[in-house]
Amino acid sequence: MAVFVALGAFLMTLFGGWTAQRVTDRRHLVLGLAGGLMLGVVGLELLPEAMEAAGEDFLGVHRALLLFVGGFLFAHVVERLLAVRRAAHGAADADDPHHHGRDAGRPERAPEVGLTAASAMVLHSLMDGIALGAAFQVGGGMGATVALAVITHDFADGFNTYTLTSLYGNDRRRAFAMLLADAVAPVVGAASTLLFTLPEELLGSYLGFFGGALLYLAAAEILPEAHHEHPALSTLLCTVAGVGFIWLVVALAS
């Protein structure tokens, strides 16, 4: 049953990515919505689950919160290191007459950041599938509740995976490849529960770390880019709508 339900998550993920790809003429709205979805997933879903599952405090601070901050700092350090490397490459191109003015006012693209972020989304979807399988092991009622949450928010996962991959300069082929991997991941995760059970504390620690990294991408990269060329009220409303959508999903699931 868990694997069958995960097929619904597979289709919903693809639908989310397809939606992100189809509205490229309203890119600022797509990015605003993606930022809101990511903020909602982190604050309303990942962090509460992490704090519940991650276990005891460590040196006076909840383990999930420590890992949350660690994930944020990790994403920041990786992004800065890549920025330094791109700056050095840009200095080498300073004498190129075609280089000046190109993409003026826009941040440099770092395909590695996009692929890394999308890979984290794939890992998150894999954990969704594992959580789905574990819920059905507990009982049908628990499985149905988790299934509702997983299938509904996998639209956001697909949307964000495609957006993150393409935003950082990866071509459409890579974006679709990461989207397909994200769609398959919950099916693989659900099937894997037939073989083993993931310790709850380890799952909580992962969710805290991933939540911090995802928040950094939303706050420092996605939302600033959304308002870079179109600082419109409609973009802000899309961000609020993204948070509200995740809130609705959490409310229905609970």
C-alpha atoms as a PDB file:
ATOM      1  CA  MET A   1       0.000   0.000   0.000  1.00  0.00           C
ATOM      2  CA  ALA A   2       2.801   2.452   0.857  1.00  0.00           C
ATOM      3  CA  VAL A   3       4.483   1.929  -2.526  1.00  0.00           C
ATOM      4  CA  PHE A   4       1.145   2.347  -4.299  1.00  0.00           C
ATOM      5  CA  VAL A   5       0.488   5.626  -2.475  1.00  0.00           C
ATOM      6  CA  ALA A   6       4.039   6.758  -3.266  1.00  0.00           C
ATOM      7  CA  LEU A   7       3.138   6.529  -6.959  1.00  0.00           C
ATOM      8  CA  GLY A   8       0.682   9.349  -6.290  1.00  0.00           C
ATOM      9  CA  ALA A   9       3.562  11.360  -4.852  1.00  0.00           C
ATOM     10  CA  PHE A  10       5.543  10.555  -8.019  1.00  0.00           C
ATOM     11  CA  LEU A  11       2.825  12.067 -10.227  1.00  0.00           C
ATOM     12  CA  MET A  12       2.321  15.081  -7.961  1.00  0.00           C
ATOM     13  CA  THR A  13       6.066  15.851  -8.001  1.00  0.00           C
ATOM     14  CA  LEU A  14       6.142  15.773 -11.793  1.00  0.00           C
ATOM     15  CA  PHE A  15       3.103  18.025 -11.900  1.00  0.00           C
ATOM     16  CA  GLY A  16       4.822  20.540  -9.629  1.00  0.00           C
ATOM     17  CA  GLY A  17       7.921  20.606 -11.844  1.00  0.00           C
ATOM     18  CA  TRP A  18       5.803  20.883 -14.987  1.00  0.00           C
ATOM     19  CA  THR A  19       4.000  23.867 -13.481  1.00  0.00           C
ATOM     20  CA  ALA A  20       7.297  25.606 -12.681  1.00  0.00           C
ATOM     21  CA  GLN A  21       8.537  25.011 -16.222  1.00  0.00           C
ATOM     22  CA  ARG A  22       5.367  26.280 -17.917  1.00  0.00           C
ATOM     23  CA  VAL A  23       5.253  29.678 -16.231  1.00  0.00           C
ATOM     24  CA  THR A  24       8.726  30.880 -17.178  1.00  0.00           C
ATOM     25  CA  ASP A  25       7.265  34.109 -18.599  1.00  0.00           C
ATOM     26  CA  ARG A  26       6.315  35.013 -15.008  1.00  0.00           C
ATOM     27  CA  ARG A  27       9.636  34.021 -13.499  1.00  0.00           C
ATOM     28  CA  HIS A  28       9.470  36.502 -10.635  1.00  0.00           C
ATOM     29  CA  LEU A  29       6.110  35.064  -9.573  1.00  0.00           C
ATOM     30  CA  VAL A  30       7.478  31.511  -9.782  1.00  0.00           C
ATOM     31  CA  LEU A  31      10.432  32.436  -7.587  1.00  0.00           C
ATOM     32  CA  GLY A  32       8.234  34.300  -5.120  1.00  0.00           C
ATOM     33  CA  LEU A  33       5.951  31.279  -4.822  1.00  0.00           C
ATOM     34  CA  ALA A  34       8.913  28.902  -4.529  1.00  0.00           C
ATOM     35  CA  GLY A  35      10.376  31.014  -1.714  1.00  0.00           C
ATOM     36  CA  GLY A  36       7.069  30.933   0.153  1.00  0.00           C
ATOM     37  CA  LEU A  37       6.708  27.190  -0.309  1.00  0.00           C
ATOM     38  CA  MET A  38      10.227  26.603   0.987  1.00  0.00           C
ATOM     39  CA  LEU A  39       9.691  28.907   3.959  1.00  0.00           C
ATOM     40  CA  GLY A  40       6.439  27.127   4.797  1.00  0.00           C
ATOM     41  CA  VAL A  41       7.977  23.666   4.481  1.00  0.00           C
ATOM     42  CA  VAL A  42      10.860  24.629   6.786  1.00  0.00           C
ATOM     43  CA  GLY A  43       8.955  26.535   9.460  1.00  0.00           C
ATOM     44  CA  LEU A  44       5.674  24.621   9.540  1.00  0.00           C
ATOM     45  CA  GLU A  45       6.738  21.070   8.708  1.00  0.00           C
ATOM     46  CA  LEU A  46      10.436  20.211   8.811  1.00  0.00           C
ATOM     47  CA  LEU A  47      11.499  22.041  11.976  1.00  0.00           C
ATOM     48  CA  PRO A  48       8.552  20.899  14.147  1.00  0.00           C
ATOM     49  CA  GLU A  49       9.067  17.290  13.012  1.00  0.00           C
ATOM     50  CA  ALA A  50      12.807  17.537  13.632  1.00  0.00           C
ATOM     51  CA  MET A  51      12.346  18.888  17.155  1.00  0.00           C
ATOM     52  CA  GLU A  52       9.918  16.102  17.961  1.00  0.00           C
ATOM     53  CA  ALA A  53      12.118  13.322  16.637  1.00  0.00           C
ATOM     54  CA  ALA A  54      15.717  14.431  17.184  1.00  0.00           C
ATOM     55  CA  GLY A  55      15.946  13.447  20.843  1.00  0.00           C
ATOM     56  CA  GLU A  56      17.600  15.126  23.807  1.00  0.00           C
ATOM     57  CA  ASP A  57      19.327  18.507  24.115  1.00  0.00           C
ATOM     58  CA  PHE A  58      23.036  18.835  23.454  1.00  0.00           C
ATOM     59  CA  LEU A  59      24.908  21.279  25.712  1.00  0.00           C
ATOM     60  CA  GLY A  60      21.713  23.073  26.621  1.00  0.00           C
ATOM     61  CA  VAL A  61      20.331  23.463  23.089  1.00  0.00           C
ATOM     62  CA  HIS A  62      17.864  21.200  21.308  1.00  0.00           C
ATOM     63  CA  ARG A  63      19.760  18.921  18.935  1.00  0.00           C
ATOM     64  CA  ALA A  64      17.427  19.728  16.027  1.00  0.00           C
ATOM     65  CA  LEU A  65      17.989  23.463  16.458  1.00  0.00           C
ATOM     66  CA  LEU A  66      21.770  23.019  16.523  1.00  0.00           C
ATOM     67  CA  LEU A  67      21.609  21.051  13.294  1.00  0.00           C
ATOM     68  CA  PHE A  68      19.197  23.600  11.843  1.00  0.00           C
ATOM     69  CA  VAL A  69      21.751  26.378  12.427  1.00  0.00           C
ATOM     70  CA  GLY A  70      24.483  24.055  11.176  1.00  0.00           C
ATOM     71  CA  GLY A  71      22.586  23.415   7.946  1.00  0.00           C
ATOM     72  CA  PHE A  72      22.098  27.154   7.418  1.00  0.00           C
ATOM     73  CA  LEU A  73      25.808  27.841   7.983  1.00  0.00           C
ATOM     74  CA  PHE A  74      26.813  24.914   5.771  1.00  0.00           C
ATOM     75  CA  ALA A  75      24.764  26.263   2.856  1.00  0.00           C
ATOM     76  CA  HIS A  76      26.190  29.747   3.466  1.00  0.00           C
ATOM     77  CA  VAL A  77      29.794  28.514   3.502  1.00  0.00           C
ATOM     78  CA  VAL A  78      29.328  26.448   0.329  1.00  0.00           C
ATOM     79  CA  GLU A  79      27.713  29.382  -1.481  1.00  0.00           C
ATOM     80  CA  ARG A  80      30.477  31.778  -0.392  1.00  0.00           C
ATOM     81  CA  LEU A  81      33.249  29.400  -1.437  1.00  0.00           C
ATOM     82  CA  LEU A  82      31.669  29.054  -4.858  1.00  0.00           C
ATOM     83  CA  ALA A  83      31.264  32.835  -5.055  1.00  0.00           C
ATOM     84  CA  VAL A  84      34.993  33.320  -4.359  1.00  0.00           C
ATOM     85  CA  ARG A  85      35.833  30.846  -7.092  1.00  0.00           C
ATOM     86  CA  ARG A  86      33.499  32.598  -9.547  1.00  0.00           C
ATOM     87  CA  ALA A  87      34.987  35.980  -8.615  1.00  0.00           C
ATOM     88  CA  ALA A  88      38.470  34.680  -9.396  1.00  0.00           C
ATOM     89  CA  HIS A  89      37.238  33.355 -12.720  1.00  0.00           C
ATOM     90  CA  GLY A  90      35.584  36.703 -13.451  1.00  0.00           C
ATOM     91  CA  ALA A  91      38.852  38.538 -12.792  1.00  0.00           C
ATOM     92  CA  ALA A  92      40.544  36.313 -15.344  1.00  0.00           C
ATOM     93  CA  ASP A  93      37.869  37.318 -17.874  1.00  0.00           C
ATOM     94  CA  ALA A  94      38.147  41.043 -17.131  1.00  0.00           C
ATOM     95  CA  ASP A  95      39.939  41.722 -20.424  1.00  0.00           C
ATOM     96  CA  ASP A  96      37.218  39.970 -22.443  1.00  0.00           C
ATOM     97  CA  PRO A  97      35.312  42.773 -24.278  1.00  0.00           C
ATOM     98  CA  HIS A  98      32.225  40.567 -24.452  1.00  0.00           C
ATOM     99  CA  HIS A  99      32.293  39.911 -20.715  1.00  0.00           C
ATOM    100  CA  HIS A 100      31.515  43.467 -19.580  1.00  0.00           C
ATOM    101  CA  GLY A 101      27.822  44.223 -19.245  1.00  0.00           C
ATOM    102  CA  ARG A 102      26.815  40.619 -19.576  1.00  0.00           C
ATOM    103  CA  ASP A 103      24.038  39.759 -17.086  1.00  0.00           C
ATOM    104  CA  ALA A 104      24.622  43.157 -15.469  1.00  0.00           C
ATOM    105  CA  GLY A 105      22.910  43.543 -12.135  1.00  0.00           C
ATOM    106  CA  ARG A 106      22.237  39.835 -11.846  1.00  0.00           C
ATOM    107  CA  PRO A 107      24.045  37.370  -9.582  1.00  0.00           C
ATOM    108  CA  GLU A 108      26.554  34.992 -11.141  1.00  0.00           C
ATOM    109  CA  ARG A 109      25.228  31.541 -11.813  1.00  0.00           C
ATOM    110  CA  ALA A 110      26.625  28.525  -9.945  1.00  0.00           C
ATOM    111  CA  PRO A 111      25.243  25.287 -11.413  1.00  0.00           C
ATOM    112  CA  GLU A 112      26.886  23.323  -8.590  1.00  0.00           C
ATOM    113  CA  VAL A 113      24.733  25.119  -6.018  1.00  0.00           C
ATOM    114  CA  GLY A 114      21.585  24.322  -7.963  1.00  0.00           C
ATOM    115  CA  LEU A 115      22.472  20.651  -8.324  1.00  0.00           C
ATOM    116  CA  THR A 116      23.443  20.366  -4.652  1.00  0.00           C
ATOM    117  CA  ALA A 117      20.212  22.007  -3.525  1.00  0.00           C
ATOM    118  CA  ALA A 118      18.155  19.805  -5.835  1.00  0.00           C
ATOM    119  CA  SER A 119      19.992  16.719  -4.553  1.00  0.00           C
ATOM    120  CA  ALA A 120      19.011  17.714  -1.029  1.00  0.00           C
ATOM    121  CA  MET A 121      15.404  17.926  -2.212  1.00  0.00           C
ATOM    122  CA  VAL A 122      15.724  14.416  -3.671  1.00  0.00           C
ATOM    123  CA  LEU A 123      17.078  13.138  -0.350  1.00  0.00           C
ATOM    124  CA  HIS A 124      14.188  14.848   1.422  1.00  0.00           C
ATOM    125  CA  SER A 125      11.715  13.098  -0.904  1.00  0.00           C
ATOM    126  CA  LEU A 126      13.451   9.798  -0.185  1.00  0.00           C
ATOM    127  CA  MET A 127      12.891  10.428   3.527  1.00  0.00           C
ATOM    128  CA  ASP A 128       9.247  11.235   2.765  1.00  0.00           C
ATOM    129  CA  GLY A 129       8.883   7.801   1.227  1.00  0.00           C
ATOM    130  CA  ILE A 130      10.533   6.161   4.226  1.00  0.00           C
ATOM    131  CA  ALA A 131       8.205   8.059   6.568  1.00  0.00           C
ATOM    132  CA  LEU A 132       5.251   6.932   4.442  1.00  0.00           C
ATOM    133  CA  GLY A 133       6.284   3.289   4.635  1.00  0.00           C
ATOM    134  CA  ALA A 134       6.911   3.497   8.373  1.00  0.00           C
ATOM    135  CA  ALA A 135       3.489   5.078   8.912  1.00  0.00           C
ATOM    136  CA  PHE A 136       1.736   2.217   7.138  1.00  0.00           C
ATOM    137  CA  GLN A 137       3.687  -0.215   9.320  1.00  0.00           C
ATOM    138  CA  VAL A 138       2.078   1.475  12.342  1.00  0.00           C
ATOM    139  CA  GLY A 139      -1.441   1.295  10.911  1.00  0.00           C
ATOM    140  CA  GLY A 140      -3.777   2.263   8.095  1.00  0.00           C
ATOM    141  CA  GLY A 141      -5.002   5.434   9.796  1.00  0.00           C
ATOM    142  CA  MET A 142      -1.500   6.731  10.405  1.00  0.00           C
ATOM    143  CA  GLY A 143      -0.518   5.779   6.868  1.00  0.00           C
ATOM    144  CA  ALA A 144      -3.451   7.684   5.373  1.00  0.00           C
ATOM    145  CA  THR A 145      -2.575  10.816   7.364  1.00  0.00           C
ATOM    146  CA  VAL A 146       1.065  10.779   6.305  1.00  0.00           C
ATOM    147  CA  ALA A 147       0.046   9.950   2.724  1.00  0.00           C
ATOM    148  CA  LEU A 148      -2.090  13.086   2.560  1.00  0.00           C
ATOM    149  CA  ALA A 149       0.791  15.250   3.732  1.00  0.00           C
ATOM    150  CA  VAL A 150       3.371  13.609   1.448  1.00  0.00           C
ATOM    151  CA  ILE A 151       1.294  13.643  -1.724  1.00  0.00           C
ATOM    152  CA  THR A 152       0.081  17.204  -1.253  1.00  0.00           C
ATOM    153  CA  HIS A 153       3.413  18.819  -0.444  1.00  0.00           C
ATOM    154  CA  ASP A 154       5.246  16.849  -3.135  1.00  0.00           C
ATOM    155  CA  PHE A 155       3.766  19.365  -5.563  1.00  0.00           C
ATOM    156  CA  ALA A 156       5.888  21.954  -3.739  1.00  0.00           C
ATOM    157  CA  ASP A 157       8.898  19.613  -3.807  1.00  0.00           C
ATOM    158  CA  GLY A 158       8.680  19.184  -7.573  1.00  0.00           C
ATOM    159  CA  PHE A 159       8.117  22.891  -8.066  1.00  0.00           C
ATOM    160  CA  ASN A 160      11.120  23.795  -5.911  1.00  0.00           C
ATOM    161  CA  THR A 161      13.414  21.112  -7.362  1.00  0.00           C
ATOM    162  CA  TYR A 162      12.937  22.331 -10.920  1.00  0.00           C
ATOM    163  CA  THR A 163      13.151  25.988  -9.864  1.00  0.00           C
ATOM    164  CA  LEU A 164      16.338  25.527  -7.808  1.00  0.00           C
ATOM    165  CA  THR A 165      18.111  23.581 -10.547  1.00  0.00           C
ATOM    166  CA  SER A 166      17.286  26.023 -13.336  1.00  0.00           C
ATOM    167  CA  LEU A 167      17.737  29.191 -11.243  1.00  0.00           C
ATOM    168  CA  TYR A 168      21.475  28.572 -10.825  1.00  0.00           C
ATOM    169  CA  GLY A 169      22.184  28.242 -14.532  1.00  0.00           C
ATOM    170  CA  ASN A 170      21.580  24.554 -15.244  1.00  0.00           C
ATOM    171  CA  ASP A 171      19.945  23.752 -18.561  1.00  0.00           C
ATOM    172  CA  ARG A 172      16.471  22.268 -18.950  1.00  0.00           C
ATOM    173  CA  ARG A 173      17.816  18.733 -19.407  1.00  0.00           C
ATOM    174  CA  ARG A 174      19.505  18.768 -15.998  1.00  0.00           C
ATOM    175  CA  ALA A 175      16.465  20.367 -14.391  1.00  0.00           C
ATOM    176  CA  PHE A 176      14.207  17.632 -15.725  1.00  0.00           C
ATOM    177  CA  ALA A 177      16.697  14.951 -14.660  1.00  0.00           C
ATOM    178  CA  MET A 178      16.671  16.241 -11.070  1.00  0.00           C
ATOM    179  CA  LEU A 179      12.878  16.534 -11.189  1.00  0.00           C
ATOM    180  CA  LEU A 180      12.583  12.897 -12.288  1.00  0.00           C
ATOM    181  CA  ALA A 181      14.961  11.804  -9.520  1.00  0.00           C
ATOM    182  CA  ASP A 182      12.861  13.738  -7.005  1.00  0.00           C
ATOM    183  CA  ALA A 183       9.693  12.058  -8.303  1.00  0.00           C
ATOM    184  CA  VAL A 184      11.167   8.548  -8.069  1.00  0.00           C
ATOM    185  CA  ALA A 185      12.689   9.107  -4.609  1.00  0.00           C
ATOM    186  CA  PRO A 186       9.499   8.638  -2.481  1.00  0.00           C
ATOM    187  CA  VAL A 187       8.702   5.393  -4.312  1.00  0.00           C
ATOM    188  CA  VAL A 188      12.200   4.084  -3.552  1.00  0.00           C
ATOM    189  CA  GLY A 189      11.944   5.274   0.041  1.00  0.00           C
ATOM    190  CA  ALA A 190       8.588   3.592   0.601  1.00  0.00           C
ATOM    191  CA  ALA A 191       9.847   0.346  -0.918  1.00  0.00           C
ATOM    192  CA  SER A 192      12.960   0.414   1.268  1.00  0.00           C
ATOM    193  CA  THR A 193      10.865   0.161   4.444  1.00  0.00           C
ATOM    194  CA  LEU A 194      10.230  -3.439   3.514  1.00  0.00           C
ATOM    195  CA  LEU A 195      13.907  -4.033   4.325  1.00  0.00           C
ATOM    196  CA  PHE A 196      14.767  -1.762   7.271  1.00  0.00           C
ATOM    197  CA  THR A 197      13.507   0.916   9.652  1.00  0.00           C
ATOM    198  CA  LEU A 198      15.229   4.308   9.965  1.00  0.00           C
ATOM    199  CA  PRO A 199      15.890   5.325  13.593  1.00  0.00           C
ATOM    200  CA  GLU A 200      13.637   8.215  14.544  1.00  0.00           C
ATOM    201  CA  GLU A 201      16.463  10.239  16.111  1.00  0.00           C
ATOM    202  CA  LEU A 202      18.558  10.035  12.941  1.00  0.00           C
ATOM    203  CA  LEU A 203      15.595  11.118  10.835  1.00  0.00           C
ATOM    204  CA  GLY A 204      14.982  14.098  13.124  1.00  0.00           C
ATOM    205  CA  SER A 205      18.624  15.170  12.930  1.00  0.00           C
ATOM    206  CA  TYR A 206      18.549  15.052   9.155  1.00  0.00           C
ATOM    207  CA  LEU A 207      15.351  17.097   8.984  1.00  0.00           C
ATOM    208  CA  GLY A 208      16.860  19.805  11.198  1.00  0.00           C
ATOM    209  CA  PHE A 209      20.020  20.087   9.086  1.00  0.00           C
ATOM    210  CA  PHE A 210      18.121  20.048   5.801  1.00  0.00           C
ATOM    211  CA  GLY A 211      15.678  22.659   7.082  1.00  0.00           C
ATOM    212  CA  GLY A 212      18.494  25.086   7.871  1.00  0.00           C
ATOM    213  CA  ALA A 213      20.051  24.678   4.426  1.00  0.00           C
ATOM    214  CA  LEU A 214      16.689  25.107   2.734  1.00  0.00           C
ATOM    215  CA  LEU A 215      15.927  28.263   4.715  1.00  0.00           C
ATOM    216  CA  TYR A 216      19.234  29.783   3.601  1.00  0.00           C
ATOM    217  CA  LEU A 217      18.446  29.119  -0.050  1.00  0.00           C
ATOM    218  CA  ALA A 218      14.972  30.634   0.317  1.00  0.00           C
ATOM    219  CA  ALA A 219      16.023  33.747   2.263  1.00  0.00           C
ATOM    220  CA  ALA A 220      19.414  34.502   0.715  1.00  0.00           C
ATOM    221  CA  GLU A 221      18.960  33.357  -2.873  1.00  0.00           C
ATOM    222  CA  ILE A 222      15.409  32.653  -4.055  1.00  0.00           C
ATOM    223  CA  LEU A 223      13.500  35.622  -2.584  1.00  0.00           C
ATOM    224  CA  PRO A 224      16.144  38.285  -3.399  1.00  0.00           C
ATOM    225  CA  GLU A 225      16.244  37.000  -6.976  1.00  0.00           C
ATOM    226  CA  ALA A 226      12.436  37.104  -7.156  1.00  0.00           C
ATOM    227  CA  HIS A 227      12.444  40.828  -6.338  1.00  0.00           C
ATOM    228  CA  HIS A 228      15.573  41.703  -8.311  1.00  0.00           C
ATOM    229  CA  GLU A 229      13.829  42.836 -11.508  1.00  0.00           C
ATOM    230  CA  HIS A 230      10.190  42.818 -10.429  1.00  0.00           C
ATOM    231  CA  PRO A 231       9.802  44.178  -6.867  1.00  0.00           C
ATOM    232  CA  ALA A 232       6.023  43.971  -7.272  1.00  0.00           C
ATOM    233  CA  LEU A 233       3.238  43.390  -4.790  1.00  0.00           C
ATOM    234  CA  SER A 234       2.176  40.342  -6.826  1.00  0.00           C
ATOM    235  CA  THR A 235       5.536  38.687  -6.106  1.00  0.00           C
ATOM    236  CA  LEU A 236       5.107  39.270  -2.388  1.00  0.00           C
ATOM    237  CA  LEU A 237       1.567  37.896  -2.530  1.00  0.00           C
ATOM    238  CA  CYS A 238       2.876  34.742  -4.227  1.00  0.00           C
ATOM    239  CA  THR A 239       5.318  34.258  -1.353  1.00  0.00           C
ATOM    240  CA  VAL A 240       2.532  34.635   1.211  1.00  0.00           C
ATOM    241  CA  ALA A 241       0.358  32.258  -0.828  1.00  0.00           C
ATOM    242  CA  GLY A 242       3.159  29.662  -0.798  1.00  0.00           C
ATOM    243  CA  VAL A 243       3.382  29.790   2.994  1.00  0.00           C
ATOM    244  CA  GLY A 244      -0.413  29.612   3.240  1.00  0.00           C
ATOM    245  CA  PHE A 245      -0.542  26.568   0.986  1.00  0.00           C
ATOM    246  CA  ILE A 246       1.881  24.648   3.207  1.00  0.00           C
ATOM    247  CA  TRP A 247      -0.073  25.752   6.282  1.00  0.00           C
ATOM    248  CA  LEU A 248      -3.220  24.295   4.688  1.00  0.00           C
ATOM    249  CA  VAL A 249      -1.408  21.030   3.962  1.00  0.00           C
ATOM    250  CA  VAL A 250      -0.195  20.776   7.570  1.00  0.00           C
ATOM    251  CA  ALA A 251      -3.667  21.560   8.880  1.00  0.00           C
ATOM    252  CA  LEU A 252      -5.293  18.892   6.719  1.00  0.00           C
ATOM    253  CA  ALA A 253      -2.667  16.332   7.663  1.00  0.00           C
ATOM    254  CA  SER A 254      -3.101  16.945  11.385  1.00  0.00           C
END
